Amino acid sequence: MADTTTPDIIYTKVDEAPELASASFLPIIQAFAGAAGVTVGTRDISLAGRIIATFPERLNEAQRQPDDLAELGKLVKTPQANVIKLPNISASVPQLVAAIRELQQQGYDLPDYPEDPATDAEKDVRARYDAIKGSAVNPVLREGNSDRRAAQPVKNYAMANPHRMGDWSATSKTRVASMSGGDFRSNEVSVTLDRAATAKIVLETADGETVLKDGVSYPEGTVVDATFMSADALDAFLADEIEKTRAEGILFSLHLKATMMKVSDPIIFGHAVKQWLKPVFDKHGDRMAELGVNPNSGLGDLLDSVKDEPEIMADIEKVRAERPPMYMVNSDKGITNLHVPSDVIIDASIPALIRAGGKGWGPDGAEADTVCVIPDNSYAPVYDEAIAFFKKNGKLNP
């Protein structure tokens, strides 16, 4: 539980494996700091803690806890702030739903996450949960002066014990694939306002208009930038790349950042899941919708939803056999690139692939050349150039 007074140094309570390691180290820090008269306390920024703090009106006094993230958001803007921010979960929807379910099983009266909110009450619940998911902590804490430098002993250890570097071949088939049109980059427009204005974001479809955001105020001189991605262009691109990858005989992989880009990238991820299993969705889409299948949540959630539907499962296996081999998160457990939207994060996955000589892990547990699908062309060329460099020059010397 968070301290009631503000200590000299705040040590954050986080999630899972990082919490096990950091919690065991905390008493050591407190012992050394205490000898110097420095107090070290904790604040809870874990996923479970943030969920609990969001619905105080539904919980009893013993279950409630303060919104420590909101407190830290104010504190980091002050000169006296010293916060040790440890790794925390940037929750995808499946992770968020799993955490809610676990807390409910522990006796917390929390509402379910509404996938398709219909009432004002459900929309309120959805909005509160959506503020928790994704990379919700870092933007708040980095409002202060964020020092992310590694200590010199850590640097020395890394230099003495470098990562294994795989050999690159000039004939490597590994490549980056991105959209040639219809993406955020090609549709982007901007304007500098010559007067103050109020704007709204409207989705226009064949069925009518939906106001996504209203009452956005802009002062004079604001640069307003807007763009969109065409779903049809995205689907056509994904279908084409799946077929190209199959013909090339290499791994198919998708690299997004569904944690930080928590509005756009889970939707793009869902389109990839639907294209991968397009014949299944074409044939069984209505039944899958009845079962609550949401492709944005990933292949793992989909398989769990249809596991008692033998015809759907058989068709899934048939389609998977016809697809190219997929880049794996854990080949031993059968966890694919498309199982969970937050499992493959581009700023970690592409560097790992580059270190491995341009190879990813396939379903057979072996490394293989890989197509790196990065749909939006805004930043895909950076990775494309990096891969071209290593094909030409070989691996780095650590």
Protein backbone atom coordinates (compact mmCIF):
# COMPACT_ATOMS: atom_id res chain seq x y z
CA MET A 1 0.00 0.00 0.00
CA ALA A 2 1.24 3.45 -0.81
CA ASP A 3 2.73 5.56 1.98
CA THR A 4 0.59 8.32 3.49
CA THR A 5 3.41 10.88 3.46
CA THR A 6 5.72 11.86 0.64
CA PRO A 7 9.14 10.21 1.11
CA ASP A 8 12.41 11.63 -0.17
CA ILE A 9 12.56 8.93 -2.86
CA ILE A 10 9.56 7.13 -4.34
CA TYR A 11 10.06 3.56 -5.54
CA THR A 12 7.25 2.35 -7.78
CA LYS A 13 5.28 -0.84 -7.31
CA VAL A 14 4.82 -2.52 -10.69
CA ASP A 15 3.81 -5.86 -12.23
CA GLU A 16 4.78 -9.52 -12.41
CA ALA A 17 8.47 -10.40 -12.90
CA PRO A 18 9.83 -6.82 -12.53
CA GLU A 19 7.90 -6.52 -9.26
CA LEU A 20 9.33 -9.77 -7.89
CA ALA A 21 12.86 -8.57 -8.58
CA SER A 22 12.44 -4.94 -7.55
CA ALA A 23 10.40 -5.62 -4.40
CA SER A 24 13.14 -7.90 -3.06
CA PHE A 25 15.70 -5.15 -3.69
CA LEU A 26 13.66 -2.41 -1.99
CA PRO A 27 14.57 -3.32 1.64
CA ILE A 28 18.26 -3.14 0.72
CA ILE A 29 17.80 0.35 -0.73
CA GLN A 30 15.80 1.42 2.32
CA ALA A 31 18.50 0.12 4.69
CA PHE A 32 21.32 2.00 2.98
CA ALA A 33 19.28 5.17 2.41
CA GLY A 34 17.92 5.09 5.95
CA ALA A 35 21.44 5.20 7.36
CA ALA A 36 21.81 8.56 5.60
CA GLY A 37 18.45 9.81 6.83
CA VAL A 38 16.81 9.45 3.41
CA THR A 39 13.32 7.96 3.34
CA VAL A 40 12.28 5.62 0.52
CA GLY A 41 8.58 4.89 0.08
CA THR A 42 6.38 3.31 -2.56
CA ARG A 43 3.58 4.24 -4.90
CA ASP A 44 1.51 1.72 -6.86
CA ILE A 45 1.53 2.10 -10.66
CA SER A 46 0.82 -1.57 -11.38
CA LEU A 47 -1.98 -2.47 -13.76
CA ALA A 48 -4.06 -3.96 -10.94
CA GLY A 49 -3.44 -0.93 -8.74
CA ARG A 50 -4.52 1.47 -11.46
CA ILE A 51 -7.69 -0.55 -12.12
CA ILE A 52 -8.61 -0.53 -8.42
CA ALA A 53 -7.98 3.21 -8.13
CA THR A 54 -10.28 3.91 -11.09
CA PHE A 55 -13.49 2.56 -9.48
CA PRO A 56 -13.44 3.61 -5.80
CA GLU A 57 -17.24 4.01 -5.70
CA ARG A 58 -17.70 0.26 -6.32
CA LEU A 59 -15.31 -0.94 -3.62
CA ASN A 60 -15.41 -1.16 0.15
CA GLU A 61 -13.08 0.87 2.35
CA ALA A 62 -10.57 -1.95 2.76
CA GLN A 63 -10.31 -2.46 -1.00
CA ARG A 64 -9.94 1.16 -2.07
CA GLN A 65 -6.58 2.68 -2.81
CA PRO A 66 -5.57 6.16 -3.96
CA ASP A 67 -4.74 7.10 -7.52
CA ASP A 68 -0.97 7.03 -7.08
CA LEU A 69 -0.30 7.71 -10.76
CA ALA A 70 -2.25 10.97 -10.57
CA GLU A 71 -0.26 11.95 -7.47
CA LEU A 72 3.03 11.17 -9.19
CA GLY A 73 1.91 13.11 -12.26
CA LYS A 74 1.76 16.24 -10.09
CA LEU A 75 4.87 15.41 -8.09
CA VAL A 76 7.22 14.96 -11.07
CA LYS A 77 6.59 18.57 -12.07
CA THR A 78 8.10 19.80 -8.78
CA PRO A 79 11.83 20.36 -8.10
CA GLN A 80 11.92 17.95 -5.14
CA ALA A 81 10.64 14.90 -7.04
CA ASN A 82 12.78 11.76 -7.01
CA VAL A 83 10.88 8.84 -8.55
CA ILE A 84 12.43 5.50 -9.43
CA LYS A 85 10.14 4.32 -12.21
CA LEU A 86 10.39 0.55 -12.74
CA PRO A 87 9.11 -1.47 -15.76
CA ASN A 88 5.33 -1.73 -15.81
CA ILE A 89 2.79 -3.37 -18.11
CA SER A 90 1.52 -1.33 -21.05
CA ALA A 91 -1.65 -3.38 -21.18
CA SER A 92 -3.32 -4.58 -24.34
CA VAL A 93 -7.06 -5.27 -24.15
CA PRO A 94 -6.54 -9.03 -23.51
CA GLN A 95 -4.14 -8.23 -20.65
CA LEU A 96 -6.53 -5.63 -19.25
CA VAL A 97 -9.49 -8.03 -19.41
CA ALA A 98 -7.44 -10.78 -17.74
CA ALA A 99 -6.44 -8.43 -14.91
CA ILE A 100 -10.05 -7.32 -14.40
CA ARG A 101 -11.18 -10.96 -14.27
CA GLU A 102 -8.49 -11.85 -11.74
CA LEU A 103 -9.46 -8.94 -9.48
CA GLN A 104 -13.14 -9.89 -9.75
CA GLN A 105 -12.23 -13.41 -8.61
CA GLN A 106 -10.50 -11.84 -5.60
CA GLY A 107 -13.75 -10.16 -4.56
CA TYR A 108 -13.41 -6.74 -6.22
CA ASP A 109 -16.73 -5.49 -7.60
CA LEU A 110 -15.35 -4.21 -10.89
CA PRO A 111 -17.35 -3.87 -14.11
CA ASP A 112 -16.47 -5.99 -17.13
CA TYR A 113 -14.64 -4.26 -19.97
CA PRO A 114 -17.38 -3.37 -22.50
CA GLU A 115 -16.18 -4.30 -26.00
CA ASP A 116 -19.16 -2.58 -27.63
CA PRO A 117 -20.59 -0.03 -25.18
CA ALA A 118 -24.23 0.81 -25.88
CA THR A 119 -25.41 2.82 -22.86
CA ASP A 120 -23.95 5.98 -21.33
CA ALA A 121 -22.92 3.94 -18.28
CA GLU A 122 -21.06 1.42 -20.44
CA LYS A 123 -19.39 4.23 -22.39
CA ASP A 124 -18.21 5.75 -19.10
CA VAL A 125 -16.76 2.41 -17.97
CA ARG A 126 -15.06 1.93 -21.34
CA ALA A 127 -13.54 5.43 -21.22
CA ARG A 128 -12.17 4.83 -17.72
CA TYR A 129 -10.65 1.49 -18.68
CA ASP A 130 -9.25 2.89 -21.93
CA ALA A 131 -7.34 5.49 -19.91
CA ILE A 132 -5.55 2.60 -18.19
CA LYS A 133 -4.62 0.49 -21.20
CA GLY A 134 -1.60 0.97 -23.41
CA SER A 135 1.35 3.09 -22.42
CA ALA A 136 -0.58 5.07 -19.82
CA VAL A 137 2.19 5.53 -17.24
CA ASN A 138 5.21 6.80 -19.17
CA PRO A 139 3.56 9.90 -20.70
CA VAL A 140 2.51 10.99 -17.19
CA LEU A 141 5.80 10.42 -15.39
CA ARG A 142 7.88 11.85 -18.24
CA GLU A 143 6.23 15.22 -17.76
CA GLY A 144 9.09 15.72 -15.32
CA ASN A 145 12.82 15.54 -15.99
CA SER A 146 13.28 11.92 -17.00
CA ASP A 147 16.82 10.55 -16.67
CA ARG A 148 17.12 7.22 -18.48
CA ARG A 149 20.91 6.94 -18.57
CA ALA A 150 22.43 3.58 -17.70
CA ALA A 151 24.93 3.57 -14.84
CA GLN A 152 28.56 3.10 -15.87
CA PRO A 153 28.85 -0.38 -14.26
CA VAL A 154 25.84 -1.47 -16.32
CA LYS A 155 27.47 -0.13 -19.49
CA ASN A 156 30.75 -1.86 -18.62
CA TYR A 157 28.97 -5.18 -18.10
CA ALA A 158 27.10 -4.84 -21.41
CA MET A 159 30.34 -4.09 -23.27
CA ALA A 160 32.10 -7.05 -21.66
CA ASN A 161 29.15 -9.37 -22.28
CA PRO A 162 27.59 -8.28 -25.59
CA HIS A 163 24.53 -9.84 -27.15
CA ARG A 164 25.14 -12.64 -29.60
CA MET A 165 25.30 -11.14 -33.08
CA GLY A 166 24.10 -13.33 -35.94
CA ASP A 167 25.85 -13.29 -39.29
CA TRP A 168 24.22 -11.35 -42.12
CA SER A 169 24.24 -12.61 -45.70
CA ALA A 170 24.10 -10.38 -48.75
CA THR A 171 21.57 -12.86 -50.17
CA SER A 172 19.27 -12.67 -47.13
CA LYS A 173 15.60 -12.63 -48.13
CA THR A 174 14.66 -10.60 -45.05
CA ARG A 175 12.94 -7.38 -46.05
CA VAL A 176 10.58 -4.68 -44.86
CA ALA A 177 7.13 -4.42 -46.46
CA SER A 178 5.04 -1.26 -46.15
CA MET A 179 2.05 0.26 -47.91
CA SER A 180 2.69 2.24 -51.08
CA GLY A 181 -0.45 4.34 -50.61
CA GLY A 182 -3.55 4.73 -48.49
CA ASP A 183 -1.56 4.84 -45.24
CA PHE A 184 -1.11 7.58 -42.64
CA ARG A 185 1.90 9.05 -44.44
CA SER A 186 0.27 9.38 -47.85
CA ASN A 187 -2.98 10.84 -46.47
CA GLU A 188 -1.45 13.36 -44.07
CA VAL A 189 -2.47 17.02 -44.36
CA SER A 190 -1.78 20.00 -42.10
CA VAL A 191 -2.87 23.60 -41.80
CA THR A 192 -1.77 26.60 -39.73
CA LEU A 193 -4.83 28.34 -38.30
CA ASP A 194 -5.07 32.07 -38.94
CA ARG A 195 -7.66 32.39 -36.17
CA ALA A 196 -8.82 30.52 -33.09
CA ALA A 197 -11.17 27.66 -33.89
CA THR A 198 -13.04 24.71 -32.45
CA ALA A 199 -12.89 21.38 -34.27
CA LYS A 200 -14.36 17.91 -34.12
CA ILE A 201 -13.31 14.55 -35.52
CA VAL A 202 -16.03 12.86 -37.56
CA LEU A 203 -16.07 9.39 -39.09
CA GLU A 204 -18.08 9.43 -42.31
CA THR A 205 -19.32 6.06 -43.59
CA ALA A 206 -22.03 4.79 -45.90
CA ASP A 207 -24.22 4.37 -42.80
CA GLY A 208 -23.85 7.97 -41.68
CA GLU A 209 -21.60 10.04 -39.44
CA THR A 210 -20.13 9.30 -36.03
CA VAL A 211 -18.58 12.11 -33.98
CA LEU A 212 -15.44 10.62 -32.46
CA LYS A 213 -14.33 13.75 -30.64
CA ASP A 214 -16.01 17.12 -30.28
CA GLY A 215 -15.16 20.52 -28.89
CA VAL A 216 -11.41 20.50 -29.54
CA SER A 217 -10.21 24.09 -29.09
CA TYR A 218 -7.25 25.49 -31.03
CA PRO A 219 -5.75 28.97 -30.50
CA GLU A 220 -4.64 31.12 -33.41
CA GLY A 221 -1.40 29.91 -34.99
CA THR A 222 -1.92 26.25 -34.09
CA VAL A 223 -0.64 23.72 -36.61
CA VAL A 224 -3.41 21.13 -37.00
CA ASP A 225 -2.32 17.86 -38.57
CA ALA A 226 -4.66 15.06 -39.59
CA THR A 227 -4.50 11.79 -41.47
CA PHE A 228 -6.18 8.41 -41.84
CA MET A 229 -5.46 4.91 -43.10
CA SER A 230 -7.70 3.28 -45.69
CA ALA A 231 -9.00 -0.06 -44.41
CA ASP A 232 -9.45 -1.32 -47.98
CA ALA A 233 -5.87 -0.39 -48.89
CA LEU A 234 -4.59 -2.01 -45.70
CA ASP A 235 -6.49 -5.24 -46.35
CA ALA A 236 -5.26 -5.41 -49.95
CA PHE A 237 -1.67 -4.79 -48.83
CA LEU A 238 -1.84 -7.49 -46.13
CA ALA A 239 -3.38 -10.04 -48.48
CA ASP A 240 -0.68 -9.34 -51.06
CA GLU A 241 2.15 -9.64 -48.54
CA ILE A 242 0.81 -12.91 -47.14
CA GLU A 243 0.84 -14.38 -50.63
CA LYS A 244 4.27 -12.95 -51.48
CA THR A 245 5.71 -14.37 -48.27
CA ARG A 246 4.25 -17.80 -48.99
CA ALA A 247 5.83 -17.75 -52.46
CA GLU A 248 9.20 -16.69 -51.02
CA GLY A 249 9.14 -19.48 -48.44
CA ILE A 250 10.10 -17.28 -45.50
CA LEU A 251 8.48 -16.17 -42.25
CA PHE A 252 5.62 -13.66 -42.11
CA SER A 253 5.86 -11.11 -39.30
CA LEU A 254 3.93 -7.99 -38.28
CA HIS A 255 5.63 -5.22 -36.30
CA LEU A 256 3.51 -2.53 -34.59
CA LYS A 257 3.40 -0.74 -31.25
CA ALA A 258 -0.07 -1.50 -29.95
CA THR A 259 0.87 -0.29 -26.46
CA MET A 260 1.83 3.31 -27.19
CA MET A 261 -0.27 3.62 -30.38
CA LYS A 262 -3.27 2.26 -28.52
CA VAL A 263 -5.92 3.72 -30.83
CA SER A 264 -4.59 2.86 -34.29
CA ASP A 265 -2.32 -0.16 -33.93
CA PRO A 266 -4.73 -2.62 -32.25
CA ILE A 267 -7.10 -1.98 -35.17
CA ILE A 268 -4.33 -2.54 -37.73
CA PHE A 269 -3.41 -5.71 -35.82
CA GLY A 270 -7.04 -6.87 -36.02
CA HIS A 271 -7.05 -6.38 -39.79
CA ALA A 272 -3.96 -8.60 -40.00
CA VAL A 273 -5.69 -11.33 -37.98
CA LYS A 274 -8.74 -11.14 -40.26
CA GLN A 275 -6.65 -11.27 -43.43
CA TRP A 276 -4.62 -14.20 -42.10
CA LEU A 277 -7.86 -16.12 -41.49
CA LYS A 278 -9.94 -14.45 -44.22
CA PRO A 279 -11.60 -17.67 -45.52
CA VAL A 280 -12.62 -18.49 -41.95
CA PHE A 281 -14.12 -15.04 -41.33
CA ASP A 282 -15.87 -15.14 -44.71
CA LYS A 283 -17.49 -18.47 -43.86
CA HIS A 284 -18.05 -18.23 -40.11
CA GLY A 285 -18.06 -14.48 -39.45
CA ASP A 286 -21.61 -14.33 -38.10
CA ARG A 287 -21.10 -17.24 -35.71
CA MET A 288 -17.77 -15.85 -34.55
CA ALA A 289 -19.40 -12.50 -33.83
CA GLU A 290 -22.02 -14.31 -31.73
CA LEU A 291 -19.18 -15.91 -29.78
CA GLY A 292 -17.69 -12.49 -29.05
CA VAL A 293 -14.64 -12.82 -31.29
CA ASN A 294 -12.75 -9.54 -31.63
CA PRO A 295 -9.79 -9.86 -34.03
CA ASN A 296 -8.18 -6.80 -32.43
CA SER A 297 -7.57 -8.95 -29.34
CA GLY A 298 -5.49 -11.43 -31.29
CA LEU A 299 -5.38 -15.02 -32.43
CA GLY A 300 -5.04 -16.35 -28.89
CA ASP A 301 -8.33 -14.82 -27.76
CA LEU A 302 -9.99 -15.91 -31.01
CA LEU A 303 -8.92 -19.55 -30.58
CA ASP A 304 -10.13 -19.55 -26.99
CA SER A 305 -13.54 -18.23 -28.12
CA VAL A 306 -14.05 -20.87 -30.84
CA LYS A 307 -12.36 -23.87 -29.20
CA ASP A 308 -15.72 -25.66 -28.79
CA GLU A 309 -16.68 -25.11 -32.45
CA PRO A 310 -15.19 -28.11 -34.33
CA GLU A 311 -16.10 -26.85 -37.81
CA ILE A 312 -14.50 -23.45 -37.23
CA MET A 313 -11.41 -25.03 -35.64
CA ALA A 314 -11.03 -27.41 -38.59
CA ASP A 315 -11.26 -24.55 -41.07
CA ILE A 316 -8.71 -22.54 -39.08
CA GLU A 317 -6.25 -25.42 -39.24
CA LYS A 318 -6.87 -25.78 -42.97
CA VAL A 319 -6.15 -22.10 -43.62
CA ARG A 320 -3.09 -22.08 -41.37
CA ALA A 321 -1.64 -24.98 -43.35
CA GLU A 322 -1.97 -22.92 -46.54
CA ARG A 323 -0.34 -19.81 -45.08
CA PRO A 324 3.39 -19.05 -44.91
CA PRO A 325 5.12 -20.00 -41.65
CA MET A 326 4.66 -17.30 -39.04
CA TYR A 327 7.21 -15.49 -36.90
CA MET A 328 6.84 -16.89 -33.39
CA VAL A 329 6.87 -15.36 -29.93
CA ASN A 330 7.30 -18.81 -28.36
CA SER A 331 7.56 -21.70 -30.79
CA ASP A 332 7.59 -24.29 -27.96
CA LYS A 333 4.17 -23.09 -26.76
CA GLY A 334 2.79 -22.31 -30.22
CA ILE A 335 2.43 -18.59 -29.49
CA THR A 336 2.53 -16.70 -32.78
CA ASN A 337 3.18 -13.11 -33.76
CA LEU A 338 -0.60 -12.63 -34.05
CA HIS A 339 -1.62 -14.19 -30.72
CA VAL A 340 -1.58 -10.99 -28.61
CA PRO A 341 -1.29 -7.42 -29.96
CA SER A 342 1.26 -6.39 -27.33
CA ASP A 343 3.62 -9.37 -27.70
CA VAL A 344 5.62 -7.98 -30.65
CA ILE A 345 6.60 -4.33 -30.16
CA ILE A 346 8.50 -2.84 -33.08
CA ASP A 347 11.21 -0.94 -31.20
CA ALA A 348 12.22 -4.21 -29.51
CA SER A 349 11.37 -6.79 -32.17
CA ILE A 350 13.23 -5.32 -35.14
CA PRO A 351 16.49 -4.74 -33.20
CA ALA A 352 16.30 -8.34 -31.97
CA LEU A 353 15.81 -9.57 -35.53
CA ILE A 354 18.75 -7.45 -36.74
CA ARG A 355 20.98 -8.82 -33.97
CA ALA A 356 20.04 -12.33 -35.10
CA GLY A 357 21.33 -11.71 -38.62
CA GLY A 358 17.91 -10.82 -40.01
CA LYS A 359 16.30 -14.02 -38.84
CA GLY A 360 13.23 -14.72 -36.73
CA TRP A 361 12.05 -17.85 -34.95
CA GLY A 362 9.70 -20.04 -36.96
CA PRO A 363 7.07 -22.55 -35.78
CA ASP A 364 9.64 -25.35 -36.14
CA GLY A 365 11.90 -23.68 -33.56
CA ALA A 366 14.51 -22.79 -36.19
CA GLU A 367 15.65 -19.36 -37.36
CA ALA A 368 14.67 -18.20 -40.84
CA ASP A 369 14.61 -15.10 -43.04
CA THR A 370 11.58 -12.95 -42.37
CA VAL A 371 9.29 -10.45 -44.06
CA CYS A 372 8.83 -7.56 -41.62
CA VAL A 373 5.39 -6.10 -42.32
CA ILE A 374 5.23 -2.49 -41.09
CA PRO A 375 2.07 -1.13 -42.75
CA ASP A 376 2.53 2.62 -42.26
CA ASN A 377 5.26 4.12 -44.43
CA SER A 378 5.93 6.97 -41.99
CA TYR A 379 8.67 5.06 -40.20
CA ALA A 380 9.06 1.79 -42.12
CA PRO A 381 11.85 3.23 -44.34
CA VAL A 382 14.08 3.64 -41.26
CA TYR A 383 14.01 -0.11 -40.68
CA ASP A 384 14.25 -0.81 -44.41
CA GLU A 385 17.47 1.22 -44.62
CA ALA A 386 18.88 -0.49 -41.52
CA ILE A 387 18.30 -3.95 -42.99
CA ALA A 388 19.81 -2.86 -46.33
CA PHE A 389 22.88 -1.62 -44.44
CA PHE A 390 23.45 -4.94 -42.70
CA LYS A 391 22.98 -6.92 -45.91
CA LYS A 392 25.72 -4.82 -47.48
CA ASN A 393 28.10 -4.45 -44.54
CA GLY A 394 27.46 -7.45 -42.32
CA LYS A 395 26.93 -7.53 -38.57
CA LEU A 396 28.17 -4.88 -36.16
CA ASN A 397 31.28 -5.50 -34.11
CA PRO A 398 30.15 -5.14 -30.48
